[in-house]
Amino acid sequence: MSLIHQLFHQHPILRRVSLIAWLCGIAVAVALSLAPGDAIGDLQGSDKLWHGGGYFLLGLPVWALFSGRRQITLVMLALVGLGAALEVLQLFVPRRSFEWADMVANTMGVVVGVLVGAFFVRAFLAPLLARALQADRIEGRNAERHTKKSTNSYNLPSTGK
């Protein structure tokens, strides 16, 4: 079990909040993808950057939220499939259109996001969590020793001289 998954195991509320935030991000992607063109307005810059950036943000936390290569691969494929399905559904949305380039940008965003997320977890988050867990263990041992000392000082039989 990776350190981040140990942290999620020790603090399940943290995992739930992270998962809910990620699902809200997916809901925002769906809402923006299916909104009529005039509701969104004209986005500054290339819309491919917006597509790639949005799916990058969805791919970024995948390594932290899911464990095992198979599960991560399935989630990546689901995100790519979501992007493709939303792109096809845009055929039926007023002032929106299907574009292959948007699907490519979505896919690249997911892949790069997952890779950057994996790098971030392994290079930065794992060492921080390892130090925090080690500090917790040391603090726990010190507290245990202190408890034993105070307990033994009261429970030792008198040597009576």
Protein backbone atom coordinates (compact mmCIF):
# COMPACT_ATOMS: atom_id res chain seq x y z
CA MET A 1 0.00 0.00 0.00
CA SER A 2 1.43 3.37 -0.99
CA LEU A 3 1.93 6.08 1.60
CA ILE A 4 -0.88 8.22 0.25
CA HIS A 5 -3.25 5.26 0.42
CA GLN A 6 -2.08 4.63 4.01
CA LEU A 7 -2.95 8.25 4.75
CA PHE A 8 -6.38 7.81 3.15
CA HIS A 9 -6.83 4.58 5.14
CA GLN A 10 -5.98 6.36 8.40
CA HIS A 11 -8.12 9.39 7.53
CA PRO A 12 -11.05 8.19 5.38
CA ILE A 13 -12.68 11.63 5.45
CA LEU A 14 -9.67 12.99 3.53
CA ARG A 15 -10.20 10.42 0.77
CA ARG A 16 -13.94 11.13 0.66
CA VAL A 17 -13.41 14.87 0.37
CA SER A 18 -10.77 14.37 -2.34
CA LEU A 19 -13.04 12.01 -4.27
CA ILE A 20 -16.01 14.38 -3.99
CA ALA A 21 -13.87 17.29 -5.24
CA TRP A 22 -12.70 15.16 -8.20
CA LEU A 23 -16.30 14.14 -9.01
CA CYS A 24 -17.34 17.81 -8.86
CA GLY A 25 -14.59 18.53 -11.39
CA ILE A 26 -16.09 15.89 -13.67
CA ALA A 27 -19.54 17.44 -13.22
CA VAL A 28 -18.13 20.85 -14.22
CA ALA A 29 -16.52 19.31 -17.33
CA VAL A 30 -19.84 17.72 -18.28
CA ALA A 31 -21.78 20.94 -17.68
CA LEU A 32 -19.33 23.07 -19.69
CA SER A 33 -19.18 20.53 -22.51
CA LEU A 34 -22.95 20.34 -22.88
CA ALA A 35 -23.74 24.04 -22.40
CA PRO A 36 -24.87 25.86 -25.54
CA GLY A 37 -22.11 27.80 -27.25
CA ASP A 38 -23.54 31.21 -26.39
CA ALA A 39 -23.82 30.30 -22.67
CA ILE A 40 -20.05 29.86 -22.38
CA GLY A 41 -19.04 32.89 -24.37
CA ASP A 42 -15.82 33.30 -26.27
CA LEU A 43 -12.91 31.74 -24.39
CA GLN A 44 -9.61 33.56 -24.60
CA GLY A 45 -6.86 31.56 -26.29
CA SER A 46 -7.08 28.24 -28.04
CA ASP A 47 -10.02 26.06 -27.03
CA LYS A 48 -7.64 23.08 -27.31
CA LEU A 49 -5.70 24.48 -24.34
CA TRP A 50 -8.96 24.70 -22.39
CA HIS A 51 -9.81 21.09 -23.31
CA GLY A 52 -6.33 19.81 -22.49
CA GLY A 53 -6.11 21.86 -19.30
CA GLY A 54 -9.49 20.71 -18.03
CA TYR A 55 -8.74 17.04 -18.59
CA PHE A 56 -5.23 17.55 -17.19
CA LEU A 57 -6.86 18.67 -13.93
CA LEU A 58 -9.13 15.61 -13.98
CA GLY A 59 -6.15 13.29 -14.57
CA LEU A 60 -3.87 14.89 -11.98
CA PRO A 61 -5.33 13.29 -8.79
CA VAL A 62 -5.89 9.82 -10.28
CA TRP A 63 -2.71 8.35 -8.72
CA ALA A 64 -3.72 9.63 -5.31
CA LEU A 65 -7.37 8.54 -5.49
CA PHE A 66 -6.98 5.10 -7.05
CA SER A 67 -4.52 2.27 -6.48
CA GLY A 68 -3.00 -0.31 -8.77
CA ARG A 69 -2.11 0.02 -12.42
CA ARG A 70 -5.26 -1.75 -13.57
CA GLN A 71 -7.56 0.59 -11.65
CA ILE A 72 -5.62 3.66 -12.78
CA THR A 73 -5.69 2.48 -16.40
CA LEU A 74 -9.46 1.91 -16.19
CA VAL A 75 -10.01 5.39 -14.75
CA MET A 76 -7.84 6.91 -17.49
CA LEU A 77 -9.83 5.06 -20.15
CA ALA A 78 -13.08 6.19 -18.51
CA LEU A 79 -11.93 9.84 -18.60
CA VAL A 80 -10.91 9.52 -22.25
CA GLY A 81 -14.26 7.84 -22.99
CA LEU A 82 -16.08 10.64 -21.17
CA GLY A 83 -14.29 13.23 -23.28
CA ALA A 84 -15.15 11.36 -26.48
CA ALA A 85 -18.79 10.88 -25.48
CA LEU A 86 -19.19 14.55 -24.57
CA GLU A 87 -17.62 15.57 -27.85
CA VAL A 88 -20.13 13.41 -29.76
CA LEU A 89 -23.01 14.77 -27.67
CA GLN A 90 -22.00 18.29 -28.70
CA LEU A 91 -23.45 17.44 -32.14
CA PHE A 92 -26.86 17.88 -30.49
CA VAL A 93 -26.08 21.07 -28.53
CA PRO A 94 -26.88 24.45 -30.13
CA ARG A 95 -23.83 26.34 -31.40
CA ARG A 96 -21.46 23.50 -30.44
CA SER A 97 -19.68 21.12 -32.79
CA PHE A 98 -17.78 17.84 -32.80
CA GLU A 99 -14.02 18.17 -33.32
CA TRP A 100 -11.46 15.38 -33.47
CA ALA A 101 -8.80 17.83 -32.27
CA ASP A 102 -10.80 18.40 -29.07
CA MET A 103 -10.84 14.65 -28.41
CA VAL A 104 -7.07 14.53 -28.93
CA ALA A 105 -6.60 17.48 -26.54
CA ASN A 106 -8.82 15.77 -23.94
CA THR A 107 -6.85 12.53 -24.24
CA MET A 108 -3.49 14.31 -24.03
CA GLY A 109 -4.72 16.22 -20.99
CA VAL A 110 -5.69 13.00 -19.20
CA VAL A 111 -2.41 11.24 -20.02
CA VAL A 112 -0.19 14.19 -19.09
CA GLY A 113 -2.25 14.85 -15.94
CA VAL A 114 -1.91 11.26 -14.74
CA LEU A 115 1.84 11.23 -15.49
CA VAL A 116 2.43 14.55 -13.70
CA GLY A 117 0.26 13.33 -10.81
CA ALA A 118 2.30 10.13 -10.55
CA PHE A 119 5.54 12.13 -10.58
CA PHE A 120 4.21 14.55 -7.95
CA VAL A 121 3.06 11.72 -5.67
CA ARG A 122 6.35 9.82 -5.95
CA ALA A 123 8.75 12.76 -5.93
CA PHE A 124 7.14 15.13 -3.44
CA LEU A 125 4.15 13.72 -1.61
CA ALA A 126 5.54 10.28 -0.74
CA PRO A 127 8.69 11.63 0.98
CA LEU A 128 6.62 14.18 2.94
CA LEU A 129 4.17 11.50 4.04
CA ALA A 130 7.01 9.15 4.96
CA ARG A 131 8.51 11.82 7.23
CA ALA A 132 5.11 12.58 8.75
CA LEU A 133 4.38 8.90 9.39
CA GLN A 134 7.84 8.42 10.89
CA ALA A 135 7.29 11.43 13.17
CA ASP A 136 3.91 9.99 14.22
CA ARG A 137 5.53 6.64 15.03
CA ILE A 138 8.29 8.32 17.06
CA GLU A 139 5.77 10.47 18.88
CA GLY A 140 3.64 7.39 19.53
CA ARG A 141 6.63 5.48 20.94
CA ASN A 142 7.60 8.43 23.15
CA ALA A 143 4.05 8.71 24.45
CA GLU A 144 4.00 4.95 25.07
CA ARG A 145 7.28 5.12 27.01
CA HIS A 146 6.00 8.04 29.04
CA THR A 147 2.82 6.10 29.85
CA LYS A 148 4.83 3.04 30.91
CA LYS A 149 7.11 5.13 33.13
CA SER A 150 4.23 6.85 34.87
CA THR A 151 2.31 3.57 35.21
CA ASN A 152 5.35 1.69 36.55
CA SER A 153 6.17 4.39 39.07
CA TYR A 154 2.76 3.86 40.66
CA ASN A 155 2.52 0.09 40.31
CA LEU A 156 5.98 -0.98 41.46
CA PRO A 157 6.05 -2.84 44.75
CA SER A 158 7.74 -1.07 47.58
CA THR A 159 11.33 -2.24 48.28
CA GLY A 160 11.03 -1.22 51.93
CA LYS A 161 14.42 -0.62 53.54
